[in-house]
Amino acid sequence: MADPAPDGVPRHHAGTLPISQLPDKGRVTCQGRIESVTFLPADQAAAFSAMVSDAEPEKASAQAGARRGRLRVVWLGRRRVPGIEAGAEIRLDGMLSTNNGLPTMFNPRYEILSRQENE
């Protein structure tokens, strides 16, 4: 689980990159918060995807020269992935590539670090 700093911002574990600092390709371990998930219609091939961004985008945007990173994560052959829902903070491990101009990770290993409470 991500260890919170005294100011409440989660710390990244050693070797874990924030989404905004991902390389163009290669094997990576990264951490971020799920912005949204996409469900495909039943008549299309099974795939479940999520958009992940830096866990604290407002803090990152306050830093000079900081950019907000976004990552598309796709689980092929799945209609749903347990625990993957908007607002959850996750750590991902897998091969990074670029698909349609967006960093993409297919079928990564994942760990759910936290979830937001439903209001």
N, C-alpha and C. Protein backbone atom coordinates (compact mmCIF):
# COMPACT_ATOMS: atom_id res chain seq x y z
N MET A 1 0.85 -1.17 0.00
CA MET A 1 0.00 0.00 0.00
C MET A 1 0.89 1.23 0.00
N ALA A 2 0.47 2.31 -0.63
CA ALA A 2 1.25 3.55 -0.67
C ALA A 2 1.30 4.14 0.73
N ASP A 3 2.49 4.56 1.14
CA ASP A 3 2.66 5.15 2.44
C ASP A 3 2.40 6.64 2.34
N PRO A 4 1.41 7.17 3.10
CA PRO A 4 1.15 8.61 3.00
C PRO A 4 2.23 9.41 3.70
N ALA A 5 2.57 10.55 3.13
CA ALA A 5 3.48 11.49 3.74
C ALA A 5 2.69 12.28 4.77
N PRO A 6 3.36 13.07 5.62
CA PRO A 6 2.63 13.86 6.61
C PRO A 6 1.58 14.78 6.00
N ASP A 7 1.78 15.23 4.76
CA ASP A 7 0.79 16.13 4.14
C ASP A 7 -0.35 15.36 3.48
N GLY A 8 -0.37 14.00 3.61
CA GLY A 8 -1.46 13.19 3.08
C GLY A 8 -1.28 12.74 1.64
N VAL A 9 -0.22 13.19 0.97
CA VAL A 9 0.03 12.80 -0.42
C VAL A 9 0.72 11.45 -0.41
N PRO A 10 0.23 10.46 -1.18
CA PRO A 10 0.84 9.15 -1.18
C PRO A 10 2.26 9.19 -1.74
N ARG A 11 3.15 8.44 -1.12
CA ARG A 11 4.51 8.30 -1.62
C ARG A 11 4.56 7.13 -2.57
N HIS A 12 5.41 7.23 -3.57
CA HIS A 12 5.60 6.13 -4.50
C HIS A 12 6.68 5.23 -3.94
N HIS A 13 6.48 3.92 -4.06
CA HIS A 13 7.48 2.96 -3.62
C HIS A 13 8.70 3.06 -4.51
N ALA A 14 9.85 2.62 -4.02
CA ALA A 14 11.08 2.65 -4.80
C ALA A 14 10.87 1.91 -6.13
N GLY A 15 11.30 2.53 -7.21
CA GLY A 15 11.16 1.92 -8.52
C GLY A 15 9.81 2.14 -9.17
N THR A 16 8.89 2.80 -8.47
CA THR A 16 7.55 3.07 -9.01
C THR A 16 7.51 4.50 -9.53
N LEU A 17 7.10 4.66 -10.78
CA LEU A 17 7.06 5.98 -11.40
C LEU A 17 5.67 6.58 -11.36
N PRO A 18 5.58 7.91 -11.22
CA PRO A 18 4.28 8.55 -11.44
C PRO A 18 3.97 8.50 -12.93
N ILE A 19 2.72 8.57 -13.29
CA ILE A 19 2.29 8.48 -14.69
C ILE A 19 2.96 9.55 -15.55
N SER A 20 3.15 10.74 -15.02
CA SER A 20 3.73 11.85 -15.79
C SER A 20 5.20 11.63 -16.14
N GLN A 21 5.86 10.65 -15.53
CA GLN A 21 7.28 10.42 -15.78
C GLN A 21 7.57 9.11 -16.51
N LEU A 22 6.55 8.55 -17.17
CA LEU A 22 6.75 7.29 -17.88
C LEU A 22 7.61 7.47 -19.12
N PRO A 23 8.46 6.49 -19.44
CA PRO A 23 9.23 6.54 -20.69
C PRO A 23 8.31 6.22 -21.86
N ASP A 24 8.83 6.28 -23.08
CA ASP A 24 8.03 5.99 -24.27
C ASP A 24 7.64 4.52 -24.37
N LYS A 25 8.53 3.63 -23.94
CA LYS A 25 8.22 2.20 -24.01
C LYS A 25 9.12 1.44 -23.05
N GLY A 26 8.77 0.17 -22.84
CA GLY A 26 9.56 -0.69 -21.96
C GLY A 26 8.76 -1.16 -20.77
N ARG A 27 9.38 -2.02 -19.96
CA ARG A 27 8.72 -2.55 -18.76
C ARG A 27 8.80 -1.50 -17.65
N VAL A 28 7.65 -1.20 -17.06
CA VAL A 28 7.60 -0.19 -16.01
C VAL A 28 6.68 -0.62 -14.88
N THR A 29 6.93 -0.03 -13.73
CA THR A 29 6.01 -0.10 -12.60
C THR A 29 5.62 1.34 -12.31
N CYS A 30 4.32 1.61 -12.33
CA CYS A 30 3.85 2.98 -12.14
C CYS A 30 2.66 2.98 -11.21
N GLN A 31 2.30 4.19 -10.79
CA GLN A 31 1.22 4.34 -9.83
C GLN A 31 0.40 5.56 -10.18
N GLY A 32 -0.92 5.46 -10.07
CA GLY A 32 -1.80 6.58 -10.36
C GLY A 32 -3.22 6.31 -9.91
N ARG A 33 -4.11 7.22 -10.27
CA ARG A 33 -5.52 7.11 -9.90
C ARG A 33 -6.36 6.91 -11.15
N ILE A 34 -7.34 6.02 -11.08
CA ILE A 34 -8.22 5.74 -12.22
C ILE A 34 -9.18 6.91 -12.41
N GLU A 35 -9.14 7.51 -13.59
CA GLU A 35 -10.06 8.61 -13.94
C GLU A 35 -11.40 8.06 -14.40
N SER A 36 -11.34 7.06 -15.29
CA SER A 36 -12.57 6.52 -15.88
C SER A 36 -12.34 5.10 -16.36
N VAL A 37 -13.43 4.37 -16.53
CA VAL A 37 -13.39 3.02 -17.10
C VAL A 37 -14.32 2.98 -18.30
N THR A 38 -14.03 2.07 -19.23
CA THR A 38 -14.84 1.94 -20.44
C THR A 38 -15.32 0.51 -20.58
N PHE A 39 -16.62 0.36 -20.74
CA PHE A 39 -17.24 -0.93 -20.99
C PHE A 39 -17.62 -0.99 -22.46
N LEU A 40 -17.24 -2.05 -23.15
CA LEU A 40 -17.59 -2.20 -24.56
C LEU A 40 -18.91 -2.94 -24.70
N PRO A 41 -19.66 -2.66 -25.77
CA PRO A 41 -20.92 -3.38 -26.00
C PRO A 41 -20.68 -4.88 -26.17
N ALA A 42 -21.70 -5.67 -25.88
CA ALA A 42 -21.59 -7.12 -25.93
C ALA A 42 -21.26 -7.65 -27.32
N ASP A 43 -21.60 -6.89 -28.38
CA ASP A 43 -21.33 -7.37 -29.73
C ASP A 43 -19.89 -7.11 -30.19
N GLN A 44 -19.07 -6.46 -29.36
CA GLN A 44 -17.65 -6.24 -29.69
C GLN A 44 -16.78 -7.22 -28.91
N ALA A 45 -15.54 -7.39 -29.38
CA ALA A 45 -14.61 -8.29 -28.68
C ALA A 45 -14.42 -7.82 -27.24
N ALA A 46 -14.30 -8.77 -26.33
CA ALA A 46 -14.18 -8.45 -24.92
C ALA A 46 -12.88 -7.70 -24.63
N ALA A 47 -13.00 -6.54 -24.04
CA ALA A 47 -11.87 -5.74 -23.58
C ALA A 47 -12.41 -4.74 -22.56
N PHE A 48 -11.65 -4.54 -21.52
CA PHE A 48 -12.03 -3.61 -20.46
C PHE A 48 -10.87 -2.62 -20.34
N SER A 49 -11.16 -1.33 -20.36
CA SER A 49 -10.06 -0.36 -20.30
C SER A 49 -10.33 0.71 -19.25
N ALA A 50 -9.24 1.31 -18.80
CA ALA A 50 -9.31 2.38 -17.81
C ALA A 50 -8.29 3.44 -18.18
N MET A 51 -8.61 4.69 -17.85
CA MET A 51 -7.67 5.79 -18.00
C MET A 51 -7.12 6.09 -16.61
N VAL A 52 -5.80 6.12 -16.51
CA VAL A 52 -5.12 6.35 -15.23
C VAL A 52 -4.29 7.62 -15.36
N SER A 53 -4.33 8.46 -14.33
CA SER A 53 -3.52 9.68 -14.32
C SER A 53 -2.81 9.77 -12.97
N ASP A 54 -1.97 10.78 -12.85
CA ASP A 54 -1.26 10.97 -11.59
C ASP A 54 -2.26 11.10 -10.45
N ALA A 55 -1.92 10.53 -9.31
CA ALA A 55 -2.84 10.48 -8.18
C ALA A 55 -3.21 11.86 -7.66
N GLU A 56 -2.32 12.81 -7.74
CA GLU A 56 -2.57 14.16 -7.23
C GLU A 56 -2.34 15.18 -8.34
N PRO A 57 -3.23 15.25 -9.36
CA PRO A 57 -2.98 16.14 -10.49
C PRO A 57 -2.91 17.62 -10.11
N GLU A 58 -3.65 18.05 -9.09
CA GLU A 58 -3.61 19.46 -8.72
C GLU A 58 -2.26 19.84 -8.12
N LYS A 59 -1.62 18.91 -7.40
CA LYS A 59 -0.29 19.18 -6.85
C LYS A 59 0.74 19.21 -7.97
N ALA A 60 0.63 18.28 -8.93
CA ALA A 60 1.58 18.22 -10.04
C ALA A 60 1.46 19.46 -10.91
N SER A 61 0.24 19.94 -11.15
CA SER A 61 0.07 21.11 -12.01
C SER A 61 0.56 22.39 -11.33
N ALA A 62 0.66 22.38 -10.01
CA ALA A 62 1.14 23.54 -9.29
C ALA A 62 2.66 23.69 -9.42
N GLN A 63 3.35 22.60 -9.73
CA GLN A 63 4.81 22.64 -9.89
C GLN A 63 5.15 23.23 -11.25
N ALA A 64 6.17 24.06 -11.28
CA ALA A 64 6.58 24.69 -12.54
C ALA A 64 7.04 23.64 -13.53
N GLY A 65 6.51 23.69 -14.74
CA GLY A 65 6.93 22.77 -15.80
C GLY A 65 6.37 21.37 -15.68
N ALA A 66 5.50 21.14 -14.71
CA ALA A 66 4.96 19.79 -14.54
C ALA A 66 3.92 19.51 -15.61
N ARG A 67 3.86 18.26 -16.05
CA ARG A 67 2.83 17.88 -17.00
C ARG A 67 2.00 16.77 -16.39
N ARG A 68 0.75 16.74 -16.75
CA ARG A 68 -0.15 15.72 -16.23
C ARG A 68 -0.09 14.51 -17.13
N GLY A 69 0.27 13.39 -16.57
CA GLY A 69 0.37 12.17 -17.36
C GLY A 69 -0.92 11.39 -17.39
N ARG A 70 -1.18 10.75 -18.51
CA ARG A 70 -2.34 9.87 -18.65
C ARG A 70 -1.86 8.57 -19.27
N LEU A 71 -2.46 7.48 -18.84
CA LEU A 71 -2.10 6.14 -19.31
C LEU A 71 -3.38 5.36 -19.56
N ARG A 72 -3.47 4.73 -20.72
CA ARG A 72 -4.60 3.84 -21.00
C ARG A 72 -4.16 2.42 -20.60
N VAL A 73 -5.01 1.75 -19.85
CA VAL A 73 -4.75 0.37 -19.44
C VAL A 73 -5.86 -0.49 -20.02
N VAL A 74 -5.49 -1.58 -20.70
CA VAL A 74 -6.47 -2.43 -21.38
C VAL A 74 -6.27 -3.87 -20.94
N TRP A 75 -7.37 -4.49 -20.50
CA TRP A 75 -7.37 -5.92 -20.20
C TRP A 75 -8.14 -6.60 -21.32
N LEU A 76 -7.42 -7.30 -22.19
CA LEU A 76 -8.04 -7.99 -23.32
C LEU A 76 -8.74 -9.26 -22.85
N GLY A 77 -9.87 -9.57 -23.45
CA GLY A 77 -10.61 -10.78 -23.11
C GLY A 77 -11.42 -10.68 -21.83
N ARG A 78 -11.54 -9.48 -21.28
CA ARG A 78 -12.28 -9.28 -20.04
C ARG A 78 -13.37 -8.25 -20.25
N ARG A 79 -14.51 -8.45 -19.67
CA ARG A 79 -15.59 -7.47 -19.70
C ARG A 79 -15.56 -6.60 -18.43
N ARG A 80 -14.91 -7.09 -17.40
CA ARG A 80 -14.82 -6.37 -16.12
C ARG A 80 -13.59 -6.88 -15.39
N VAL A 81 -12.95 -6.02 -14.60
CA VAL A 81 -11.82 -6.40 -13.76
C VAL A 81 -12.19 -6.01 -12.33
N PRO A 82 -12.24 -6.96 -11.40
CA PRO A 82 -12.65 -6.67 -10.03
C PRO A 82 -11.79 -5.58 -9.39
N GLY A 83 -12.44 -4.61 -8.78
CA GLY A 83 -11.76 -3.55 -8.06
C GLY A 83 -11.30 -2.38 -8.91
N ILE A 84 -11.34 -2.52 -10.22
CA ILE A 84 -10.93 -1.43 -11.10
C ILE A 84 -12.15 -0.55 -11.34
N GLU A 85 -12.15 0.61 -10.67
CA GLU A 85 -13.27 1.54 -10.77
C GLU A 85 -12.74 2.96 -10.61
N ALA A 86 -13.47 3.92 -11.13
CA ALA A 86 -13.05 5.32 -11.06
C ALA A 86 -12.79 5.73 -9.62
N GLY A 87 -11.67 6.43 -9.42
CA GLY A 87 -11.31 6.91 -8.09
C GLY A 87 -10.31 6.05 -7.36
N ALA A 88 -10.15 4.79 -7.77
CA ALA A 88 -9.22 3.90 -7.09
C ALA A 88 -7.78 4.26 -7.45
N GLU A 89 -6.90 4.18 -6.48
CA GLU A 89 -5.47 4.37 -6.73
C GLU A 89 -4.86 2.99 -6.92
N ILE A 90 -4.07 2.83 -7.99
CA ILE A 90 -3.50 1.52 -8.30
C ILE A 90 -2.03 1.61 -8.65
N ARG A 91 -1.34 0.49 -8.47
CA ARG A 91 0.03 0.33 -8.94
C ARG A 91 -0.03 -0.70 -10.06
N LEU A 92 0.62 -0.39 -11.18
CA LEU A 92 0.61 -1.24 -12.37
C LEU A 92 2.02 -1.68 -12.71
N ASP A 93 2.13 -2.90 -13.23
CA ASP A 93 3.43 -3.41 -13.68
C ASP A 93 3.21 -4.10 -15.01
N GLY A 94 3.90 -3.65 -16.05
CA GLY A 94 3.75 -4.26 -17.35
C GLY A 94 4.56 -3.57 -18.42
N MET A 95 4.34 -3.99 -19.65
CA MET A 95 5.04 -3.42 -20.80
C MET A 95 4.28 -2.21 -21.31
N LEU A 96 4.99 -1.13 -21.47
CA LEU A 96 4.42 0.12 -21.92
C LEU A 96 4.68 0.29 -23.41
N SER A 97 3.66 0.69 -24.14
CA SER A 97 3.79 0.98 -25.56
C SER A 97 2.95 2.21 -25.86
N THR A 98 2.97 2.65 -27.11
CA THR A 98 2.13 3.77 -27.51
C THR A 98 1.10 3.25 -28.51
N ASN A 99 -0.16 3.55 -28.26
CA ASN A 99 -1.24 3.11 -29.12
C ASN A 99 -2.13 4.31 -29.40
N ASN A 100 -2.26 4.70 -30.67
CA ASN A 100 -3.04 5.88 -31.06
C ASN A 100 -2.56 7.14 -30.34
N GLY A 101 -1.24 7.27 -30.17
CA GLY A 101 -0.66 8.46 -29.56
C GLY A 101 -0.74 8.54 -28.05
N LEU A 102 -1.22 7.49 -27.39
CA LEU A 102 -1.39 7.51 -25.94
C LEU A 102 -0.61 6.36 -25.32
N PRO A 103 0.15 6.62 -24.24
CA PRO A 103 0.83 5.50 -23.57
C PRO A 103 -0.20 4.46 -23.16
N THR A 104 0.10 3.19 -23.45
CA THR A 104 -0.86 2.11 -23.22
C THR A 104 -0.16 0.91 -22.62
N MET A 105 -0.85 0.24 -21.71
CA MET A 105 -0.36 -0.98 -21.09
C MET A 105 -1.45 -2.03 -21.25
N PHE A 106 -1.10 -3.19 -21.83
CA PHE A 106 -2.06 -4.28 -22.03
C PHE A 106 -1.85 -5.36 -20.97
N ASN A 107 -2.94 -5.81 -20.38
CA ASN A 107 -2.96 -6.90 -19.41
C ASN A 107 -1.87 -6.80 -18.34
N PRO A 108 -1.79 -5.65 -17.65
CA PRO A 108 -0.74 -5.50 -16.63
C PRO A 108 -1.09 -6.23 -15.34
N ARG A 109 -0.09 -6.47 -14.55
CA ARG A 109 -0.31 -6.88 -13.17
C ARG A 109 -0.71 -5.62 -12.43
N TYR A 110 -1.59 -5.72 -11.45
CA TYR A 110 -2.03 -4.53 -10.74
C TYR A 110 -2.25 -4.81 -9.27
N GLU A 111 -2.15 -3.75 -8.48
CA GLU A 111 -2.43 -3.80 -7.05
C GLU A 111 -3.27 -2.58 -6.72
N ILE A 112 -4.40 -2.79 -6.10
CA ILE A 112 -5.26 -1.69 -5.68
C ILE A 112 -4.71 -1.15 -4.36
N LEU A 113 -4.38 0.14 -4.34
CA LEU A 113 -3.78 0.75 -3.16
C LEU A 113 -4.81 1.39 -2.26
N SER A 114 -5.84 2.01 -2.86
CA SER A 114 -6.90 2.63 -2.07
C SER A 114 -8.11 2.88 -2.97
N ARG A 115 -9.22 3.10 -2.32
CA ARG A 115 -10.47 3.42 -3.04
C ARG A 115 -11.11 4.61 -2.36
N GLN A 116 -11.80 5.42 -3.16
CA GLN A 116 -12.54 6.54 -2.58
C GLN A 116 -13.86 6.04 -2.05
N GLU A 117 -14.30 6.65 -0.97
CA GLU A 117 -15.59 6.31 -0.39
C GLU A 117 -16.70 6.84 -1.28
N ASN A 118 -17.78 6.07 -1.44
CA ASN A 118 -18.95 6.56 -2.18
C ASN A 118 -19.64 7.61 -1.33
N GLU A 119 -20.01 8.70 -1.97
CA GLU A 119 -20.64 9.79 -1.22
C GLU A 119 -22.13 9.77 -1.40
